[in-house]
Amino acid sequence: MPLKTTNEFAPPIDLGTSLVPDNCRVVPIREIPVQSVAGRIVEINGVEIAITTTRPNYGGVRYWFRCPYCRRRCGIMYIHPFGHVGCRICLNLTYPRQRFKGMLEESILTGYM
């Protein structure tokens, strides 16, 4: 499967209401054993996830997951309570602070007016 360019990323999959990452199981790339990375594909929750690498300026190799939905590079894969495995964007996961964005600002503005 050819890699998608940045303009062709898939939209988030519809899993209902957005969750915070705390509700999902987190699988960071650093917890995958190096022996597993050698094959360039790891299996997480029954889903095959491709592994890619980059070379930092200071030398060495950095490993990344490729999201099975959008093919973005990411250091963390999330396992949704429904069993889907993907990146934060594709699983429509929001940080707690993002869910309440604007509420604090609005309360400050209305308090002073």
C-alpha atoms as a PDB file:
ATOM      1  CA  MET A   1       0.000   0.000   0.000  1.00  0.00           C
ATOM      2  CA  PRO A   2       1.575   3.326  -1.021  1.00  0.00           C
ATOM      3  CA  LEU A   3       1.992   5.904   1.687  1.00  0.00           C
ATOM      4  CA  LYS A   4      -0.412   8.808   1.536  1.00  0.00           C
ATOM      5  CA  THR A   5       0.832  12.335   1.147  1.00  0.00           C
ATOM      6  CA  THR A   6      -0.003  14.937   3.768  1.00  0.00           C
ATOM      7  CA  ASN A   7      -3.007  16.161   1.761  1.00  0.00           C
ATOM      8  CA  GLU A   8      -4.626  12.729   1.681  1.00  0.00           C
ATOM      9  CA  PHE A   9      -4.972  11.963   5.408  1.00  0.00           C
ATOM     10  CA  ALA A  10      -8.183  10.203   6.318  1.00  0.00           C
ATOM     11  CA  PRO A  11     -10.711  11.960   8.562  1.00  0.00           C
ATOM     12  CA  PRO A  12     -11.271  10.568  12.074  1.00  0.00           C
ATOM     13  CA  ILE A  13     -13.402   7.440  12.187  1.00  0.00           C
ATOM     14  CA  ASP A  14     -16.845   7.882  13.723  1.00  0.00           C
ATOM     15  CA  LEU A  15     -16.901   6.113  17.080  1.00  0.00           C
ATOM     16  CA  GLY A  16     -19.581   8.292  18.653  1.00  0.00           C
ATOM     17  CA  THR A  17     -18.678  10.795  21.324  1.00  0.00           C
ATOM     18  CA  SER A  18     -15.076  11.852  21.646  1.00  0.00           C
ATOM     19  CA  LEU A  19     -13.175  10.410  24.576  1.00  0.00           C
ATOM     20  CA  VAL A  20     -10.145  11.545  26.480  1.00  0.00           C
ATOM     21  CA  PRO A  21      -7.020   9.398  26.046  1.00  0.00           C
ATOM     22  CA  ASP A  22      -7.357   8.341  29.704  1.00  0.00           C
ATOM     23  CA  ASN A  23     -10.300   6.123  28.663  1.00  0.00           C
ATOM     24  CA  CYS A  24      -8.145   4.197  26.169  1.00  0.00           C
ATOM     25  CA  ARG A  25      -5.239   1.837  26.590  1.00  0.00           C
ATOM     26  CA  VAL A  26      -1.973   3.478  25.543  1.00  0.00           C
ATOM     27  CA  VAL A  27       0.799   1.632  23.681  1.00  0.00           C
ATOM     28  CA  PRO A  28       3.926   3.813  23.329  1.00  0.00           C
ATOM     29  CA  ILE A  29       6.577   2.796  20.793  1.00  0.00           C
ATOM     30  CA  ARG A  30       9.235   2.635  23.513  1.00  0.00           C
ATOM     31  CA  GLU A  31       7.424  -0.329  25.112  1.00  0.00           C
ATOM     32  CA  ILE A  32       7.678  -2.457  21.969  1.00  0.00           C
ATOM     33  CA  PRO A  33      10.684  -4.826  22.239  1.00  0.00           C
ATOM     34  CA  VAL A  34      13.464  -4.120  19.741  1.00  0.00           C
ATOM     35  CA  GLN A  35      13.218  -7.703  18.473  1.00  0.00           C
ATOM     36  CA  SER A  36       9.599  -7.058  17.425  1.00  0.00           C
ATOM     37  CA  VAL A  37      10.520  -3.881  15.573  1.00  0.00           C
ATOM     38  CA  ALA A  38      13.004  -5.717  13.356  1.00  0.00           C
ATOM     39  CA  GLY A  39      10.165  -7.170  11.257  1.00  0.00           C
ATOM     40  CA  ARG A  40       8.722  -3.658  10.671  1.00  0.00           C
ATOM     41  CA  ILE A  41       5.224  -4.847  11.634  1.00  0.00           C
ATOM     42  CA  VAL A  42       3.851  -5.419  15.114  1.00  0.00           C
ATOM     43  CA  GLU A  43       0.460  -6.704  16.129  1.00  0.00           C
ATOM     44  CA  ILE A  44      -1.545  -4.697  18.649  1.00  0.00           C
ATOM     45  CA  ASN A  45      -4.941  -5.994  19.698  1.00  0.00           C
ATOM     46  CA  GLY A  46      -5.155  -8.132  16.547  1.00  0.00           C
ATOM     47  CA  VAL A  47      -4.303  -5.230  14.202  1.00  0.00           C
ATOM     48  CA  GLU A  48      -1.048  -5.183  12.258  1.00  0.00           C
ATOM     49  CA  ILE A  49       0.735  -1.856  12.720  1.00  0.00           C
ATOM     50  CA  ALA A  50       3.632  -0.853  10.460  1.00  0.00           C
ATOM     51  CA  ILE A  51       6.815   0.528  12.016  1.00  0.00           C
ATOM     52  CA  THR A  52       8.879   3.221  10.327  1.00  0.00           C
ATOM     53  CA  THR A  53      12.139   4.903  11.286  1.00  0.00           C
ATOM     54  CA  THR A  54      13.767   8.308  11.089  1.00  0.00           C
ATOM     55  CA  ARG A  55      17.360   9.290  11.668  1.00  0.00           C
ATOM     56  CA  PRO A  56      17.752  12.188  14.125  1.00  0.00           C
ATOM     57  CA  ASN A  57      20.490  14.769  13.487  1.00  0.00           C
ATOM     58  CA  TYR A  58      22.472  13.537  16.490  1.00  0.00           C
ATOM     59  CA  GLY A  59      22.650   9.973  15.133  1.00  0.00           C
ATOM     60  CA  GLY A  60      20.859   6.779  15.944  1.00  0.00           C
ATOM     61  CA  VAL A  61      17.418   5.606  14.887  1.00  0.00           C
ATOM     62  CA  ARG A  62      13.976   6.683  16.088  1.00  0.00           C
ATOM     63  CA  TYR A  63      11.072   4.260  15.684  1.00  0.00           C
ATOM     64  CA  TRP A  64       7.489   5.315  14.918  1.00  0.00           C
ATOM     65  CA  PHE A  65       4.143   3.595  14.465  1.00  0.00           C
ATOM     66  CA  ARG A  66       2.179   4.192  11.250  1.00  0.00           C
ATOM     67  CA  CYS A  67      -1.495   4.708  12.068  1.00  0.00           C
ATOM     68  CA  PRO A  68      -3.535   2.027  10.237  1.00  0.00           C
ATOM     69  CA  TYR A  69      -6.202   4.612   9.304  1.00  0.00           C
ATOM     70  CA  CYS A  70      -4.357   7.771   8.251  1.00  0.00           C
ATOM     71  CA  ARG A  71      -0.761   6.439   7.876  1.00  0.00           C
ATOM     72  CA  ARG A  72       0.628   9.296  10.008  1.00  0.00           C
ATOM     73  CA  ARG A  73       3.792   8.708  12.007  1.00  0.00           C
ATOM     74  CA  CYS A  74       3.091   8.634  15.718  1.00  0.00           C
ATOM     75  CA  GLY A  75       4.874   7.530  18.861  1.00  0.00           C
ATOM     76  CA  ILE A  76       1.739   6.304  20.630  1.00  0.00           C
ATOM     77  CA  MET A  77      -1.071   4.024  19.502  1.00  0.00           C
ATOM     78  CA  TYR A  78      -4.341   4.029  21.419  1.00  0.00           C
ATOM     79  CA  ILE A  79      -6.686   1.084  21.860  1.00  0.00           C
ATOM     80  CA  HIS A  80     -10.263   2.390  21.935  1.00  0.00           C
ATOM     81  CA  PRO A  81     -12.764   0.662  24.291  1.00  0.00           C
ATOM     82  CA  PHE A  82     -14.541  -0.641  21.136  1.00  0.00           C
ATOM     83  CA  GLY A  83     -11.301  -2.402  20.089  1.00  0.00           C
ATOM     84  CA  HIS A  84     -10.113  -0.031  17.344  1.00  0.00           C
ATOM     85  CA  VAL A  85      -6.383   0.743  17.276  1.00  0.00           C
ATOM     86  CA  GLY A  86      -5.183   4.080  15.931  1.00  0.00           C
ATOM     87  CA  CYS A  87      -3.695   7.484  16.605  1.00  0.00           C
ATOM     88  CA  ARG A  88      -5.313  10.147  18.771  1.00  0.00           C
ATOM     89  CA  ILE A  89      -6.658  12.046  15.782  1.00  0.00           C
ATOM     90  CA  CYS A  90      -8.268   9.077  14.006  1.00  0.00           C
ATOM     91  CA  LEU A  91      -9.917   7.790  17.189  1.00  0.00           C
ATOM     92  CA  ASN A  92     -11.234  11.317  17.865  1.00  0.00           C
ATOM     93  CA  LEU A  93      -9.535  11.499  21.256  1.00  0.00           C
ATOM     94  CA  THR A  94      -9.320  14.931  22.837  1.00  0.00           C
ATOM     95  CA  TYR A  95      -7.302  16.114  25.782  1.00  0.00           C
ATOM     96  CA  PRO A  96      -9.409  17.139  28.810  1.00  0.00           C
ATOM     97  CA  ARG A  97      -8.365  20.771  28.402  1.00  0.00           C
ATOM     98  CA  GLN A  98      -9.612  20.826  24.789  1.00  0.00           C
ATOM     99  CA  ARG A  99     -13.082  19.727  25.837  1.00  0.00           C
ATOM    100  CA  PHE A 100     -13.544  22.823  27.979  1.00  0.00           C
ATOM    101  CA  LYS A 101     -11.741  25.268  25.698  1.00  0.00           C
ATOM    102  CA  GLY A 102     -13.368  28.654  25.816  1.00  0.00           C
ATOM    103  CA  MET A 103     -15.378  28.070  29.001  1.00  0.00           C
ATOM    104  CA  LEU A 104     -12.825  29.766  31.262  1.00  0.00           C
ATOM    105  CA  GLU A 105     -12.345  32.656  28.845  1.00  0.00           C
ATOM    106  CA  GLU A 106     -16.103  33.151  28.555  1.00  0.00           C
ATOM    107  CA  SER A 107     -16.585  33.173  32.335  1.00  0.00           C
ATOM    108  CA  ILE A 108     -13.825  35.759  32.706  1.00  0.00           C
ATOM    109  CA  LEU A 109     -15.304  38.000  30.011  1.00  0.00           C
ATOM    110  CA  THR A 110     -18.870  37.805  31.326  1.00  0.00           C
ATOM    111  CA  GLY A 111     -17.673  38.452  34.874  1.00  0.00           C
ATOM    112  CA  TYR A 112     -16.092  41.739  33.903  1.00  0.00           C
ATOM    113  CA  MET A 113     -18.845  43.029  31.624  1.00  0.00           C
END
